[in-house]
Amino acid sequence: MNAYRIELTPDEGSLLVTCPALPGVVSFGDDDAGCIAHGRDAIEERIAALIRDGADVPVDDGSAPATGRTLSVSMPTLTNLKVELYRALRETGITRAELARRLDWNRNSVDRLFQLDH
């Protein structure tokens, strides 16, 4: 299961949420529960953008430094499955077009496999 650390930094009455492993993730929350919910949404949006751009999706191995209080955010199972499929295809060099051919599916159906909101 993929989980990401979020870092919480006090910011004018709320908490700024960032993710050390995924630069560009920024959100806010009023408490831990809100930070986790908003952080999860921001992480999913960032991962979706990385997949759309054909970029690597980093694993949070804990090596990215955090300077504040951190919480762990577990990603939904379907998100984890889609990310792992994406990583496996990148690792083996199989394109989406090739996957569509091998599965005898149309390209749109294969593309939906990688859409986190579908």
Protein backbone atom coordinates (compact mmCIF):
# COMPACT_ATOMS: atom_id res chain seq x y z
CA MET A 1 0.00 0.00 0.00
CA ASN A 2 1.29 3.43 -0.87
CA ALA A 3 1.28 6.06 1.83
CA TYR A 4 2.74 9.54 1.73
CA ARG A 5 3.90 11.76 4.56
CA ILE A 6 2.35 15.17 4.76
CA GLU A 7 4.00 17.99 6.64
CA LEU A 8 1.84 20.37 8.67
CA THR A 9 2.96 23.95 9.19
CA PRO A 10 0.88 26.51 11.12
CA ASP A 11 -0.28 29.29 8.79
CA GLU A 12 -2.58 32.13 9.93
CA GLY A 13 -5.08 30.04 11.90
CA SER A 14 -4.95 26.95 9.72
CA LEU A 15 -2.38 24.34 8.79
CA LEU A 16 -0.42 24.39 5.55
CA VAL A 17 -0.15 20.86 4.12
CA THR A 18 2.76 19.86 1.90
CA CYS A 19 4.20 16.51 0.87
CA PRO A 20 8.01 16.21 0.98
CA ALA A 21 8.05 13.32 -1.53
CA LEU A 22 5.84 15.15 -4.04
CA PRO A 23 6.88 18.75 -4.62
CA GLY A 24 3.93 20.81 -5.77
CA VAL A 25 1.46 19.32 -3.30
CA VAL A 26 -0.02 22.18 -1.30
CA SER A 27 -3.27 22.29 0.63
CA PHE A 28 -4.72 23.52 3.92
CA GLY A 29 -6.67 22.08 6.81
CA ASP A 30 -8.04 23.19 10.16
CA ASP A 31 -7.16 20.03 12.07
CA ASP A 32 -5.43 16.68 11.55
CA ALA A 33 -8.50 15.06 9.94
CA GLY A 34 -8.95 17.97 7.54
CA CYS A 35 -5.24 17.98 6.70
CA ILE A 36 -5.33 14.27 5.91
CA ALA A 37 -8.45 14.59 3.73
CA HIS A 38 -7.23 17.67 1.85
CA GLY A 39 -3.70 16.29 1.66
CA ARG A 40 -4.96 13.03 0.13
CA ASP A 41 -6.89 14.98 -2.51
CA ALA A 42 -3.86 17.14 -3.34
CA ILE A 43 -1.60 14.08 -3.54
CA GLU A 44 -4.03 12.33 -5.89
CA GLU A 45 -4.18 15.42 -8.11
CA ARG A 46 -0.37 15.57 -8.25
CA ILE A 47 -0.08 11.87 -9.04
CA ALA A 48 -2.72 12.22 -11.77
CA ALA A 49 -0.71 15.08 -13.29
CA LEU A 50 2.49 13.01 -13.21
CA ILE A 51 0.74 10.14 -14.97
CA ARG A 52 -0.75 12.48 -17.60
CA ASP A 53 2.75 13.88 -18.21
CA GLY A 54 4.31 10.41 -18.45
CA ALA A 55 6.60 11.13 -15.48
CA ASP A 56 7.75 8.88 -12.67
CA VAL A 57 5.47 8.69 -9.63
CA PRO A 58 7.76 8.74 -6.58
CA VAL A 59 7.39 6.37 -3.68
CA ASP A 60 7.63 8.02 -0.27
CA ASP A 61 10.59 6.15 1.17
CA GLY A 62 11.03 8.66 3.98
CA SER A 63 14.21 10.11 2.53
CA ALA A 64 12.73 13.51 1.66
CA PRO A 65 13.42 15.80 4.63
CA ALA A 66 10.54 17.26 6.58
CA THR A 67 11.01 20.20 8.92
CA GLY A 68 7.69 20.14 10.78
CA ARG A 69 5.12 17.78 12.20
CA THR A 70 4.19 14.99 9.81
CA LEU A 71 1.29 12.59 9.38
CA SER A 72 0.96 9.57 7.13
CA VAL A 73 -1.73 9.58 4.46
CA SER A 74 -2.81 6.22 3.04
CA MET A 75 -4.00 6.34 -0.53
CA PRO A 76 -7.22 4.61 -1.66
CA THR A 77 -6.81 1.04 -2.92
CA LEU A 78 -7.94 1.91 -6.45
CA THR A 79 -5.39 4.72 -6.63
CA ASN A 80 -2.67 2.34 -5.44
CA LEU A 81 -3.62 -0.23 -8.08
CA LYS A 82 -3.61 2.32 -10.89
CA VAL A 83 -0.25 3.73 -9.81
CA GLU A 84 1.29 0.26 -9.56
CA LEU A 85 0.00 -0.65 -13.03
CA TYR A 86 1.42 2.61 -14.38
CA ARG A 87 4.79 1.93 -12.74
CA ALA A 88 4.86 -1.65 -14.05
CA LEU A 89 4.21 -0.51 -17.63
CA ARG A 90 6.91 2.16 -17.40
CA GLU A 91 9.36 -0.35 -15.97
CA THR A 92 8.73 -2.89 -18.74
CA GLY A 93 8.53 -0.29 -21.51
CA ILE A 94 5.02 -1.30 -22.56
CA THR A 95 3.07 1.59 -24.02
CA ARG A 96 -0.64 2.11 -23.57
CA ALA A 97 -1.12 1.37 -27.25
CA GLU A 98 0.70 -1.94 -26.82
CA LEU A 99 -1.37 -2.76 -23.74
CA ALA A 100 -4.55 -2.06 -25.71
CA ARG A 101 -3.35 -4.38 -28.46
CA ARG A 102 -2.44 -7.15 -26.01
CA LEU A 103 -5.76 -6.90 -24.19
CA ASP A 104 -7.73 -6.42 -27.42
CA TRP A 105 -9.29 -3.31 -25.89
CA ASN A 106 -9.85 0.09 -27.44
CA ARG A 107 -7.41 2.82 -26.47
CA ASN A 108 -9.99 4.83 -24.49
CA SER A 109 -10.65 1.87 -22.20
CA VAL A 110 -6.94 1.47 -21.54
CA ASP A 111 -6.52 5.21 -20.90
CA ARG A 112 -9.26 5.04 -18.26
CA LEU A 113 -7.18 2.52 -16.33
CA PHE A 114 -4.78 5.36 -15.54
CA GLN A 115 -7.32 8.07 -14.71
CA LEU A 116 -7.47 8.32 -10.94
CA ASP A 117 -10.89 9.97 -11.03
CA HIS A 118 -12.45 7.27 -13.23
